[in-house]
Amino acid sequence: MLKRLFSGPVGWALTAVVVAGVLFGGYWFQPWKLVTDDVVDESVPVVQAPAPTPDATPSPDATPDATPSPEASPSVSPSPAGNQLLASGEFVTHEHETTGTAQVIQLGDGRRQLVLRDFATSNGPDLRVWLSDQPVLEGQAGWFVFDDGQWAELDRLKGNQGNQVYDIPADVDLAELTSVSIWCKRFSVSFGAADLTA
């Protein structure tokens, strides 16, 4: 029966339809990504911690008119060339288990970057890194919300595992976009997300 079905002109047409369906399904779902990992390990910026504020209480041995030398004065703020941590948050799992830390860092030259540290999620088709104005909700309630409001796409996800860095364009308003999602653009679903808290 099958031999007769796939023979002759009708058979060739059916064969072509089946092959096209298999190729399209492979392209659309990319099932091999479920069993493969793309690992990256980019150099991430170091955040300079502010120096501790010196104790303002004078020492009992200090004389009232003694002036400390410039060399003895401790610094109370980061160097202008230092990097500053603006916001951070831990990833929560949405459609796929996702772990790691997201950080927004302002570099000494004024540029801003999103850093994913110790990051891990499942591989998948058409994954993007989005900043969004949507709150991060636990569980299935948070899977589909990130394209509901404002969002900015930083780039394709470089890898589903490892440390990675994404530049944030100067026109992105971080006061409005306060969460990050690993967004599967093909199926409009979040793999995982993190609130970015100052």
Protein backbone atom coordinates (compact mmCIF):
# COMPACT_ATOMS: atom_id res chain seq x y z
CA MET A 1 0.00 0.00 0.00
CA LEU A 2 2.74 2.47 0.98
CA LYS A 3 4.75 1.47 -2.07
CA ARG A 4 1.82 2.30 -4.34
CA LEU A 5 1.13 5.53 -2.40
CA PHE A 6 4.67 6.81 -2.93
CA SER A 7 5.02 5.70 -6.56
CA GLY A 8 4.23 7.68 -9.68
CA PRO A 9 3.73 11.47 -9.89
CA VAL A 10 1.50 11.57 -6.81
CA GLY A 11 4.11 9.62 -4.88
CA TRP A 12 6.87 12.04 -5.82
CA ALA A 13 4.68 14.94 -4.72
CA LEU A 14 3.96 13.26 -1.36
CA THR A 15 7.65 12.50 -0.89
CA ALA A 16 8.52 16.13 -1.60
CA VAL A 17 5.90 17.30 0.93
CA VAL A 18 7.19 14.92 3.63
CA VAL A 19 10.84 15.92 3.06
CA ALA A 20 9.91 19.63 3.09
CA GLY A 21 7.96 19.12 6.33
CA VAL A 22 10.89 17.37 8.00
CA LEU A 23 13.33 20.09 6.89
CA PHE A 24 11.01 22.90 8.01
CA GLY A 25 10.37 21.20 11.37
CA GLY A 26 14.10 20.76 11.89
CA TYR A 27 14.77 24.42 11.08
CA TRP A 28 11.87 25.75 13.18
CA PHE A 29 12.32 23.64 16.32
CA GLN A 30 16.06 22.83 16.07
CA PRO A 31 15.67 19.75 18.33
CA TRP A 32 19.42 19.07 18.41
CA LYS A 33 19.83 22.15 20.61
CA LEU A 34 18.13 20.27 23.46
CA VAL A 35 21.19 18.04 23.74
CA THR A 36 23.97 20.51 22.86
CA ASP A 37 25.47 23.45 24.76
CA ASP A 38 27.10 26.64 23.50
CA VAL A 39 29.61 27.63 26.19
CA VAL A 40 31.20 31.09 26.30
CA ASP A 41 33.64 32.55 28.79
CA GLU A 42 34.11 36.24 28.10
CA SER A 43 36.21 38.54 30.21
CA VAL A 44 33.79 40.42 32.46
CA PRO A 45 34.43 43.91 33.86
CA VAL A 46 35.66 44.19 37.42
CA VAL A 47 33.56 46.40 39.69
CA GLN A 48 35.56 48.72 41.91
CA ALA A 49 34.13 48.90 45.42
CA PRO A 50 34.11 52.32 47.08
CA ALA A 51 36.76 52.84 49.75
CA PRO A 52 35.42 52.91 53.32
CA THR A 53 34.51 56.31 54.72
CA PRO A 54 37.15 57.39 57.25
CA ASP A 55 36.14 57.87 60.89
CA ALA A 56 35.49 61.60 61.39
CA THR A 57 36.10 61.43 65.16
CA PRO A 58 39.48 63.03 65.94
CA SER A 59 42.06 60.95 67.74
CA PRO A 60 42.79 62.02 71.33
CA ASP A 61 46.46 62.46 70.37
CA ALA A 62 45.70 64.80 67.46
CA THR A 63 46.42 68.50 67.88
CA PRO A 64 43.61 70.88 66.87
CA ASP A 65 45.61 72.67 64.18
CA ALA A 66 47.31 69.58 62.73
CA THR A 67 46.62 69.24 59.00
CA PRO A 68 47.02 65.76 57.51
CA SER A 69 49.30 65.50 54.52
CA PRO A 70 47.69 64.75 51.14
CA GLU A 71 49.43 61.38 51.12
CA ALA A 72 47.69 60.44 54.39
CA SER A 73 44.18 61.38 53.22
CA PRO A 74 42.23 58.24 52.29
CA SER A 75 40.06 58.19 49.19
CA VAL A 76 36.33 58.07 49.93
CA SER A 77 35.00 57.41 46.44
CA PRO A 78 35.91 55.19 43.50
CA SER A 79 38.41 56.46 41.01
CA PRO A 80 36.74 58.27 38.09
CA ALA A 81 38.21 55.55 35.89
CA GLY A 82 36.53 52.78 37.95
CA ASN A 83 33.55 50.65 36.96
CA GLN A 84 30.33 50.98 38.96
CA LEU A 85 27.63 48.40 39.61
CA LEU A 86 24.28 50.07 38.80
CA ALA A 87 21.89 47.12 39.31
CA SER A 88 21.86 43.36 39.67
CA GLY A 89 19.56 40.39 40.14
CA GLU A 90 19.39 36.59 40.18
CA PHE A 91 17.76 34.67 37.34
CA VAL A 92 14.55 32.74 37.96
CA THR A 93 13.41 29.83 35.83
CA HIS A 94 10.63 30.23 33.30
CA GLU A 95 10.11 27.73 30.47
CA HIS A 96 13.61 26.25 30.96
CA GLU A 97 15.77 26.03 34.07
CA THR A 98 17.88 29.20 34.20
CA THR A 99 20.46 30.23 36.81
CA GLY A 100 23.08 32.94 37.25
CA THR A 101 23.42 36.62 38.02
CA ALA A 102 22.65 39.61 35.79
CA GLN A 103 24.52 42.87 36.44
CA VAL A 104 24.32 46.30 34.86
CA ILE A 105 27.76 47.91 35.03
CA GLN A 106 28.78 51.42 34.03
CA LEU A 107 32.34 51.44 32.79
CA GLY A 108 34.81 54.19 33.62
CA ASP A 109 34.38 55.63 30.13
CA GLY A 110 30.60 55.97 30.63
CA ARG A 111 29.49 52.98 28.53
CA ARG A 112 27.03 50.55 30.12
CA GLN A 113 27.07 46.78 29.86
CA LEU A 114 24.85 43.91 30.89
CA VAL A 115 26.95 41.11 32.37
CA LEU A 116 25.68 37.55 32.81
CA ARG A 117 27.81 35.76 35.43
CA ASP A 118 27.80 32.01 36.05
CA PHE A 119 24.92 31.86 33.60
CA ALA A 120 23.21 28.63 32.51
CA THR A 121 19.99 27.84 30.66
CA SER A 122 18.82 25.39 28.00
CA ASN A 123 19.85 25.91 24.42
CA GLY A 124 17.10 26.81 22.00
CA PRO A 125 16.21 28.45 18.70
CA ASP A 126 16.40 32.22 18.24
CA LEU A 127 17.27 33.18 21.85
CA ARG A 128 17.69 36.91 22.50
CA VAL A 129 18.76 39.06 25.45
CA TRP A 130 16.03 41.59 26.24
CA LEU A 131 15.77 44.42 28.74
CA SER A 132 12.13 44.98 29.66
CA ASP A 133 9.81 47.10 31.79
CA GLN A 134 7.85 44.01 32.91
CA PRO A 135 8.20 42.61 36.45
CA VAL A 136 9.71 39.16 36.81
CA LEU A 137 7.02 36.70 37.86
CA GLU A 138 7.79 33.20 39.11
CA GLY A 139 6.44 30.18 37.26
CA GLN A 140 4.32 30.01 34.13
CA ALA A 141 2.72 33.41 34.85
CA GLY A 142 6.04 35.02 33.88
CA TRP A 143 6.67 33.11 30.65
CA PHE A 144 4.93 35.38 28.16
CA VAL A 145 4.92 38.92 29.62
CA PHE A 146 8.13 40.46 28.31
CA ASP A 147 6.81 41.55 24.93
CA ASP A 148 3.73 43.17 26.51
CA GLY A 149 5.32 46.52 27.32
CA GLN A 150 8.57 48.29 26.45
CA TRP A 151 11.65 46.26 25.69
CA ALA A 152 15.07 46.62 24.10
CA GLU A 153 16.89 43.77 22.39
CA LEU A 154 20.61 43.82 23.18
CA ASP A 155 21.70 40.91 20.99
CA ARG A 156 21.31 37.22 20.28
CA LEU A 157 22.28 35.09 23.29
CA LYS A 158 25.95 34.29 22.76
CA GLY A 159 25.80 30.97 24.57
CA ASN A 160 23.49 29.09 26.90
CA GLN A 161 26.29 28.67 29.45
CA GLY A 162 29.07 30.87 30.79
CA ASN A 163 30.05 34.46 31.51
CA GLN A 164 29.06 36.95 28.82
CA VAL A 165 28.85 40.69 28.22
CA TYR A 166 26.35 42.77 26.18
CA ASP A 167 26.65 46.48 25.41
CA ILE A 168 23.64 48.60 26.39
CA PRO A 169 22.94 51.38 23.85
CA ALA A 170 23.13 54.93 25.19
CA ASP A 171 19.47 55.61 24.36
CA VAL A 172 18.18 52.73 26.56
CA ASP A 173 16.48 54.14 29.66
CA LEU A 174 17.49 51.92 32.58
CA ALA A 175 15.04 53.71 34.85
CA GLU A 176 12.24 52.23 32.70
CA LEU A 177 13.72 48.87 31.67
CA THR A 178 14.34 47.14 34.99
CA SER A 179 14.40 43.44 34.11
CA VAL A 180 16.27 41.13 31.76
CA SER A 181 14.79 38.13 29.95
CA ILE A 182 16.34 35.38 27.88
CA TRP A 183 13.63 35.58 25.26
CA CYS A 184 12.88 32.93 22.64
CA LYS A 185 11.77 35.20 19.82
CA ARG A 186 10.56 32.33 17.65
CA PHE A 187 8.02 31.08 20.21
CA SER A 188 7.51 34.32 22.22
CA VAL A 189 8.44 32.79 25.57
CA SER A 190 10.96 33.58 28.31
CA PHE A 191 13.48 30.88 29.22
CA GLY A 192 14.41 32.78 32.40
CA ALA A 193 14.55 36.33 33.73
CA ALA A 194 15.98 38.55 36.47
CA ASP A 195 14.84 41.76 38.14
CA LEU A 196 17.55 44.43 38.01
CA THR A 197 17.63 46.11 41.41
CA ALA A 198 19.81 49.12 42.19
